[in-house]
Amino acid sequence: MTRITARRKVVRLTVGGRRTTREDVLAVEEPLEIRVNGTSLAVTMRTPGNDYDLAAGFLVSEGVISRGEHFFAARYCAGATVDGENTYNVLDVSLAPGVAAPDPSLERNFLTTSACGLCGKANIDAVRTRSVFTVSDDPVLLDAERLITFPDVLRAGQAVFEKTGGLHAAGLFDAATGELLVLREDVGRHNAVDKVIGWAVKEDRLPLRGTVLQVSGRASFELVQKAAMAGIPMLAAVSAPSSLAAELATDVGMTLVGFLRGDSMVIYAGAERITGGGGRAADDVAGAEGAATSAPSALAGSATPN
């Protein structure tokens, strides 16, 4: 077994049945401290593997870098063991010459759990990060019949989920061809997305115009924001988005799809990019999107996003 999975003896119990003891496979969760030029920036709980991708994607999400050339190098540092053994849980990123170091305000105040990618932000204003890329002018179109195939392709590629049932997944698809460009798994949905974006950083593909980010769970505000920071014009999820995720998608001009299951979906923003599938009347689409854009904006007010 690798550090991505671990084995543990468990007791399986069926009410009215019997107890059986067997060995189960669990997804590993360990902390990763991300340093930039020797200075600690954040500690996140993650599934080991593709840590360089995770760090690079995290830096894009935080607005520290926006191009592959900005990410100069990364190396593991000595871990926290008494004898100095490398635990591969501390990663130091070197930025390219001339790239500004992260603003001290970006430093997370405490551990970021696998369930929260925004934990540790110092204040509400720090939650919203402005992207150097614009997604509203991306002319990408995607046929609904192609889009409904993405969840199954993503699920088929989840090798570790198949063993553990305990990982989220994110995949980046080419909207024009339907090709799966990269897939990453992690105990944290935000980490899985950062790993996808980090792969694109290392491949020098930013901004990710003409692509679709497919995620295995729900679409939260932070996932929409991460997609926007990487220049991704479309985000699709098999579960529901949050209200703030839909609002942000509308604000930045992103297409947001939820409940993408079987042959159906719900389009919360940017419906004009989804073609085919019968569709609704044009005035119904306009009315729905008009209602969304006329609602009071929590992003512009003082409400605290969940």
Protein backbone atom coordinates (compact mmCIF):
# COMPACT_ATOMS: atom_id res chain seq x y z
CA MET A 1 0.00 0.00 0.00
CA THR A 2 1.11 3.59 -0.55
CA ARG A 3 0.62 6.66 1.63
CA ILE A 4 -2.48 7.44 -0.40
CA THR A 5 -4.31 4.54 1.28
CA ALA A 6 -3.98 2.69 4.59
CA ARG A 7 -5.35 -0.59 5.94
CA ARG A 8 -7.24 -0.94 9.21
CA LYS A 9 -9.09 -3.76 10.95
CA VAL A 10 -12.77 -2.95 11.26
CA VAL A 11 -15.92 -4.60 12.56
CA ARG A 12 -18.83 -4.80 10.15
CA LEU A 13 -22.20 -5.09 11.86
CA THR A 14 -25.60 -5.73 10.34
CA VAL A 15 -28.61 -5.14 12.57
CA GLY A 16 -30.31 -8.45 13.06
CA GLY A 17 -27.29 -10.17 11.57
CA ARG A 18 -23.78 -10.82 12.79
CA ARG A 19 -20.49 -9.05 13.41
CA THR A 20 -17.55 -9.77 11.15
CA THR A 21 -13.98 -8.57 11.50
CA ARG A 22 -12.11 -7.73 8.35
CA GLU A 23 -9.49 -5.42 6.91
CA ASP A 24 -10.66 -2.21 5.28
CA VAL A 25 -8.88 0.32 3.07
CA LEU A 26 -8.99 3.98 4.09
CA ALA A 27 -7.96 7.14 2.31
CA VAL A 28 -4.96 8.72 4.02
CA GLU A 29 -5.31 12.23 5.42
CA GLU A 30 -2.16 14.09 6.48
CA PRO A 31 -1.19 17.73 6.93
CA LEU A 32 0.83 19.57 4.30
CA GLU A 33 2.58 22.79 5.22
CA ILE A 34 3.04 25.03 2.19
CA ARG A 35 5.93 27.46 2.42
CA VAL A 36 6.89 30.11 -0.12
CA ASN A 37 10.53 31.15 -0.29
CA GLY A 38 11.01 29.65 3.17
CA THR A 39 8.05 31.39 4.83
CA SER A 40 5.07 29.35 5.98
CA LEU A 41 1.85 30.29 4.17
CA ALA A 42 -0.69 27.62 5.07
CA VAL A 43 -1.22 24.13 6.46
CA THR A 44 -3.90 22.05 4.80
CA MET A 45 -5.16 18.53 5.41
CA ARG A 46 -4.84 16.51 2.23
CA THR A 47 -4.34 13.09 0.69
CA PRO A 48 -0.61 12.74 -0.10
CA GLY A 49 0.22 12.68 -3.77
CA ASN A 50 0.52 15.39 -6.42
CA ASP A 51 1.67 17.78 -3.70
CA TYR A 52 3.52 20.00 -6.17
CA ASP A 53 0.27 20.35 -8.12
CA LEU A 54 -1.59 21.12 -4.90
CA ALA A 55 0.86 23.85 -3.90
CA ALA A 56 0.88 25.42 -7.38
CA GLY A 57 -2.91 25.39 -7.61
CA PHE A 58 -3.24 26.83 -4.11
CA LEU A 59 -0.97 29.73 -5.09
CA VAL A 60 -3.13 30.42 -8.14
CA SER A 61 -6.26 30.35 -5.98
CA GLU A 62 -4.67 32.83 -3.58
CA GLY A 63 -3.66 35.15 -6.40
CA VAL A 64 0.08 34.71 -5.78
CA ILE A 65 0.86 33.34 -9.27
CA SER A 66 -1.04 33.20 -12.55
CA ARG A 67 1.41 31.62 -15.02
CA GLY A 68 3.56 28.52 -15.20
CA GLU A 69 6.69 30.64 -15.41
CA HIS A 70 5.92 32.09 -11.96
CA PHE A 71 6.35 28.67 -10.31
CA PHE A 72 10.11 28.19 -10.30
CA ALA A 73 10.66 25.08 -8.14
CA ALA A 74 9.49 23.16 -5.08
CA ARG A 75 11.14 20.80 -2.65
CA TYR A 76 10.21 18.83 0.43
CA CYS A 77 11.78 19.98 3.70
CA ALA A 78 12.68 17.97 6.78
CA GLY A 79 9.58 16.91 8.66
CA ALA A 80 8.65 17.10 12.33
CA THR A 81 10.20 13.85 13.55
CA VAL A 82 12.74 14.00 16.35
CA ASP A 83 15.50 12.56 14.17
CA GLY A 84 14.72 14.97 11.32
CA GLU A 85 13.35 12.29 9.01
CA ASN A 86 11.61 13.69 5.95
CA THR A 87 7.89 13.07 6.34
CA TYR A 88 7.09 14.70 2.99
CA ASN A 89 4.57 16.92 4.74
CA VAL A 90 6.43 20.23 4.39
CA LEU A 91 6.79 21.70 0.89
CA ASP A 92 8.76 24.86 0.13
CA VAL A 93 7.95 26.62 -3.15
CA SER A 94 10.43 28.95 -4.82
CA LEU A 95 8.89 31.68 -6.94
CA ALA A 96 10.59 32.84 -10.12
CA PRO A 97 12.82 35.92 -9.90
CA GLY A 98 10.74 39.07 -9.97
CA VAL A 99 7.54 37.41 -8.72
CA ALA A 100 6.33 39.13 -5.56
CA ALA A 101 6.16 37.08 -2.39
CA PRO A 102 2.69 36.49 -0.91
CA ASP A 103 1.26 39.39 1.02
CA PRO A 104 1.43 38.66 4.77
CA SER A 105 -2.36 39.02 4.90
CA LEU A 106 -2.66 35.77 2.92
CA GLU A 107 -1.09 33.73 5.70
CA ARG A 108 -3.66 31.39 7.20
CA ASN A 109 -4.19 31.80 10.93
CA PHE A 110 -4.83 28.13 11.61
CA LEU A 111 -5.11 24.68 10.05
CA THR A 112 -7.18 24.38 6.88
CA THR A 113 -9.19 21.19 7.16
CA SER A 114 -10.02 18.87 4.29
CA ALA A 115 -13.59 20.20 4.43
CA CYS A 116 -12.77 23.90 4.21
CA GLY A 117 -10.48 25.62 1.74
CA LEU A 118 -11.24 29.09 3.08
CA CYS A 119 -10.64 28.35 6.77
CA GLY A 120 -8.04 30.60 8.32
CA LYS A 121 -8.77 33.68 6.24
CA ALA A 122 -8.14 36.71 8.41
CA ASN A 123 -11.31 38.60 7.47
CA ILE A 124 -14.38 38.58 5.22
CA ASP A 125 -12.79 40.83 2.61
CA ALA A 126 -9.98 38.29 2.19
CA VAL A 127 -12.46 35.59 1.12
CA ARG A 128 -13.04 37.08 -2.35
CA THR A 129 -9.95 36.96 -4.55
CA ARG A 130 -9.80 38.86 -7.83
CA SER A 131 -8.62 36.97 -10.90
CA VAL A 132 -6.31 38.36 -13.55
CA PHE A 133 -8.29 36.31 -16.09
CA THR A 134 -11.72 37.06 -17.55
CA VAL A 135 -14.09 34.16 -18.18
CA SER A 136 -17.14 36.15 -19.26
CA ASP A 137 -15.79 36.62 -22.79
CA ASP A 138 -14.90 32.95 -23.32
CA PRO A 139 -16.94 31.86 -26.39
CA VAL A 140 -16.93 28.18 -25.40
CA LEU A 141 -20.06 26.17 -26.21
CA LEU A 142 -20.84 22.65 -25.03
CA ASP A 143 -23.52 20.27 -26.21
CA ALA A 144 -25.64 18.91 -23.37
CA GLU A 145 -25.28 15.36 -24.67
CA ARG A 146 -21.51 15.62 -24.29
CA LEU A 147 -21.70 17.24 -20.87
CA ILE A 148 -23.82 14.45 -19.35
CA THR A 149 -21.01 11.96 -20.10
CA PHE A 150 -18.48 13.78 -17.90
CA PRO A 151 -19.57 12.43 -14.47
CA ASP A 152 -19.25 8.82 -15.65
CA VAL A 153 -15.83 9.48 -17.16
CA LEU A 154 -14.75 11.11 -13.91
CA ARG A 155 -16.10 8.26 -11.80
CA ALA A 156 -14.37 5.64 -13.98
CA GLY A 157 -11.03 7.35 -13.38
CA GLN A 158 -11.28 7.44 -9.57
CA ALA A 159 -8.90 4.61 -8.77
CA VAL A 160 -8.48 5.43 -5.08
CA PHE A 161 -12.19 6.10 -4.54
CA GLU A 162 -12.83 2.63 -5.91
CA LYS A 163 -10.77 1.21 -3.03
CA THR A 164 -11.83 3.54 -0.22
CA GLY A 165 -15.09 5.31 -1.11
CA GLY A 166 -13.65 8.32 0.70
CA LEU A 167 -12.25 10.76 -1.83
CA HIS A 168 -13.52 13.69 -3.86
CA ALA A 169 -12.48 14.08 -7.48
CA ALA A 170 -12.03 16.92 -9.93
CA GLY A 171 -11.44 16.57 -13.64
CA LEU A 172 -10.64 19.06 -16.36
CA PHE A 173 -12.28 18.43 -19.74
CA ASP A 174 -11.71 19.97 -23.15
CA ALA A 175 -15.12 21.35 -24.08
CA ALA A 176 -14.50 21.04 -27.83
CA THR A 177 -13.48 17.37 -27.84
CA GLY A 178 -14.77 16.03 -24.53
CA GLU A 179 -11.27 14.76 -23.69
CA LEU A 180 -10.41 14.35 -20.02
CA LEU A 181 -7.18 16.33 -19.66
CA VAL A 182 -6.41 15.54 -16.03
CA LEU A 183 -8.08 13.99 -12.97
CA ARG A 184 -7.09 14.39 -9.34
CA GLU A 185 -8.48 12.89 -6.11
CA ASP A 186 -8.26 14.13 -2.53
CA VAL A 187 -10.08 13.98 0.81
CA GLY A 188 -10.74 17.70 0.32
CA ARG A 189 -12.79 18.84 -2.68
CA HIS A 190 -10.89 22.12 -2.73
CA ASN A 191 -7.57 20.23 -2.73
CA ALA A 192 -8.68 18.11 -5.68
CA VAL A 193 -9.45 21.30 -7.63
CA ASP A 194 -6.14 22.90 -6.61
CA LYS A 195 -4.32 19.79 -7.84
CA VAL A 196 -6.04 20.07 -11.22
CA ILE A 197 -5.17 23.76 -11.49
CA GLY A 198 -1.62 23.06 -10.33
CA TRP A 199 -1.20 20.50 -13.09
CA ALA A 200 -2.22 23.21 -15.55
CA VAL A 201 0.32 25.59 -14.01
CA LYS A 202 3.12 23.09 -14.53
CA GLU A 203 1.92 22.50 -18.10
CA ASP A 204 1.82 26.29 -18.61
CA ARG A 205 -1.82 26.15 -19.74
CA LEU A 206 -3.28 29.10 -17.81
CA PRO A 207 -5.74 30.60 -18.50
CA LEU A 208 -7.82 27.47 -19.03
CA ARG A 209 -10.10 28.83 -21.73
CA GLY A 210 -12.39 26.38 -23.48
CA THR A 211 -12.42 23.91 -20.58
CA VAL A 212 -14.92 22.47 -18.13
CA LEU A 213 -14.15 21.67 -14.50
CA GLN A 214 -16.18 18.64 -13.40
CA VAL A 215 -16.38 17.86 -9.66
CA SER A 216 -17.75 14.82 -7.90
CA GLY A 217 -19.66 16.61 -5.14
CA ARG A 218 -21.32 19.94 -4.63
CA ALA A 219 -20.27 23.29 -6.07
CA SER A 220 -19.29 25.65 -3.27
CA PHE A 221 -18.31 29.31 -3.45
CA GLU A 222 -14.63 28.44 -3.11
CA LEU A 223 -14.72 26.04 -6.07
CA VAL A 224 -16.28 28.66 -8.32
CA GLN A 225 -13.65 31.13 -7.16
CA LYS A 226 -10.80 28.70 -7.80
CA ALA A 227 -12.14 28.02 -11.29
CA ALA A 228 -12.35 31.75 -11.99
CA MET A 229 -8.79 32.31 -10.75
CA ALA A 230 -7.59 29.75 -13.32
CA GLY A 231 -9.69 31.17 -16.15
CA ILE A 232 -12.06 28.19 -16.35
CA PRO A 233 -15.37 29.28 -17.95
CA MET A 234 -17.54 26.30 -16.94
CA LEU A 235 -18.00 24.36 -13.70
CA ALA A 236 -20.24 21.28 -13.43
CA ALA A 237 -21.11 19.34 -10.28
CA VAL A 238 -23.10 16.19 -9.63
CA SER A 239 -24.69 17.79 -6.58
CA ALA A 240 -26.08 21.20 -5.66
CA PRO A 241 -24.31 24.55 -5.67
CA SER A 242 -24.61 27.00 -2.82
CA SER A 243 -26.43 30.30 -3.29
CA LEU A 244 -23.16 32.23 -3.09
CA ALA A 245 -21.55 29.92 -5.65
CA ALA A 246 -24.36 30.68 -8.10
CA GLU A 247 -24.11 34.38 -7.36
CA LEU A 248 -20.35 34.45 -7.91
CA ALA A 249 -20.68 32.48 -11.17
CA THR A 250 -23.16 35.07 -12.43
CA ASP A 251 -20.93 37.95 -11.31
CA VAL A 252 -17.87 36.68 -13.18
CA GLY A 253 -19.72 35.32 -16.23
CA MET A 254 -19.11 31.62 -15.57
CA THR A 255 -21.43 28.77 -16.54
CA LEU A 256 -22.45 26.79 -13.46
CA VAL A 257 -24.21 23.43 -13.70
CA GLY A 258 -25.49 21.39 -10.77
CA PHE A 259 -27.29 18.08 -10.29
CA LEU A 260 -25.58 16.71 -13.39
CA ARG A 261 -26.87 13.16 -13.18
CA GLY A 262 -28.05 10.73 -15.82
CA ASP A 263 -29.50 12.72 -18.69
CA SER A 264 -30.47 15.85 -16.78
CA MET A 265 -28.92 18.92 -15.18
CA VAL A 266 -29.80 22.25 -13.63
CA ILE A 267 -28.06 25.33 -15.06
CA TYR A 268 -27.64 28.08 -12.47
CA ALA A 269 -25.64 30.59 -14.53
CA GLY A 270 -24.44 31.00 -18.10
CA ALA A 271 -27.09 28.78 -19.72
CA GLU A 272 -26.31 30.21 -23.15
CA ARG A 273 -23.13 28.12 -23.33
CA ILE A 274 -25.04 24.81 -23.06
CA THR A 275 -26.49 23.82 -26.43
CA GLY A 276 -28.89 21.07 -27.49
CA GLY A 277 -30.91 18.97 -25.10
CA GLY A 278 -34.24 20.57 -26.01
CA GLY A 279 -33.77 23.49 -23.64
CA ARG A 280 -36.28 25.95 -22.27
CA ALA A 281 -37.82 28.89 -24.04
CA ALA A 282 -35.42 31.78 -24.42
CA ASP A 283 -37.60 34.12 -22.35
CA ASP A 284 -37.67 31.57 -19.48
CA VAL A 285 -33.87 31.44 -19.44
CA ALA A 286 -33.60 35.22 -19.53
CA GLY A 287 -36.16 35.55 -16.77
CA ALA A 288 -34.35 33.11 -14.49
CA GLU A 289 -30.99 34.76 -15.02
CA GLY A 290 -32.50 38.20 -14.62
CA ALA A 291 -33.89 37.21 -11.24
CA ALA A 292 -30.47 35.95 -10.18
CA THR A 293 -28.67 39.13 -11.19
CA SER A 294 -31.29 41.39 -9.58
CA ALA A 295 -30.98 39.71 -6.18
CA PRO A 296 -29.00 41.61 -3.51
CA SER A 297 -25.34 40.63 -3.69
CA ALA A 298 -23.85 39.12 -0.55
CA LEU A 299 -20.45 39.54 -2.16
CA ALA A 300 -20.94 43.29 -2.30
CA GLY A 301 -22.48 43.56 1.17
CA SER A 302 -21.50 42.58 4.67
CA ALA A 303 -22.95 39.08 4.80
CA THR A 304 -20.60 36.30 5.79
CA PRO A 305 -20.48 33.50 3.19
CA ASN A 306 -20.85 29.94 4.46
